[in-house]
């Protein structure tokens, strides 16, 4: 598995891919030797660290989630970190979660590969921290507070000594690591009863309801998220196929609605402008999650914002997962993220499906037809069950 990923990485990025192997392994250890070195450094660090008044307050009956921006990405994958931390909070029996963002050395973030920096510069990632990661905390009711530290010394004053309150438990300021993206899915495989996790806020649902009432009325809202970024552009949405799919829907019954991912330019691509475009949801996390909950179905190719729906049991989704020879579509790359080709997420509800094909209209239409039949059957069953609960007088 590692050899195939290495070959694909070298082909895509050249020798600089090998240069990133060591820091990546240090930040997200996979090898036994790396974990052994980290364990030794952690033991040494724990002998020197003592509780502070601030760390006592910040860890009182709370799991401390440390998101260290020197090693962790500024991405929507933070939703998976929050969901996995929620499961760990329950396991340890804490009442709440506190989240601490620790700055990196590169203008508060980690230094990225030049190709990534060119497509996703520091300013864009700083924007995403303020407008995506921080608002995402409102979607998890157990979050009791958060801190965006000015420097690592400030973070040192907040961190509890030892591992009892920390997530990840082997995180230390002197030995930073990023949360494992597989953690949520690994835990769900061990115990699929993970719900509830993240959910829309009351105001997010109110905003979504008002917007959908205006543009969809009584029709079923089909929310289509478009991926359109400079990062791995080969995985961007096939916009012509999505427009063709939307045009093929019965306009009396369905209301196709497009939403850009948060990094897309504001002008709609050709063809999309013939349909409602919810621009507000691209930059408002609460609105987007409300839209995911209130839509009859949300669809799209795998994109960062779509992972938000993965953490919400009320979101109905079809997400298309291309498999190929590019490094980010290899089965081995999916496996490293905790995903298994041709399988749904381990905690998925019947209305939550991954489609392991490119988002071509020839795949979109049959996948939608199958989901349409399943959702219609579920709605009919729920209607019958709700009617059966009504007891009329004799």
Foldseek 3Di string as FASTA:
>chain_A
DVVLLVVLQCVVPNPVSVVVPVLLCLQPPDDPVSVVVLVVVLVVVLVPAAAAPQQCVQQPLEAEEEAEQQADALFLLVLLVQLLVVVVSVVLVGQAYEYEYAAHPPVRHHDDDPLCCVFQNPVNSVLSVVQPVVLQLVQFVRHPYYYHDPHVVVVSNRHHRAQSRYVVSSADSVRHHHHQLQSNLVVCLVPLPSDDGTAADPVLLVVLVVVCCVAPNQAFEEEEEFECTSPPRVQTAPVVQVLVLQVPDDSVHYAYEYEYALPDDDDDDPSNVVHHYDDVVNRHVNNVRSNQQPGPEYEYEDDRNVVNNVNHQNGQYEYEQEADSNSCRDQVNCVSSNDHPPDFRSNHDPRHYYHHHHSGNVRVVVVVVVSVVVSVVVVVVVVVVVVVVDDDDD
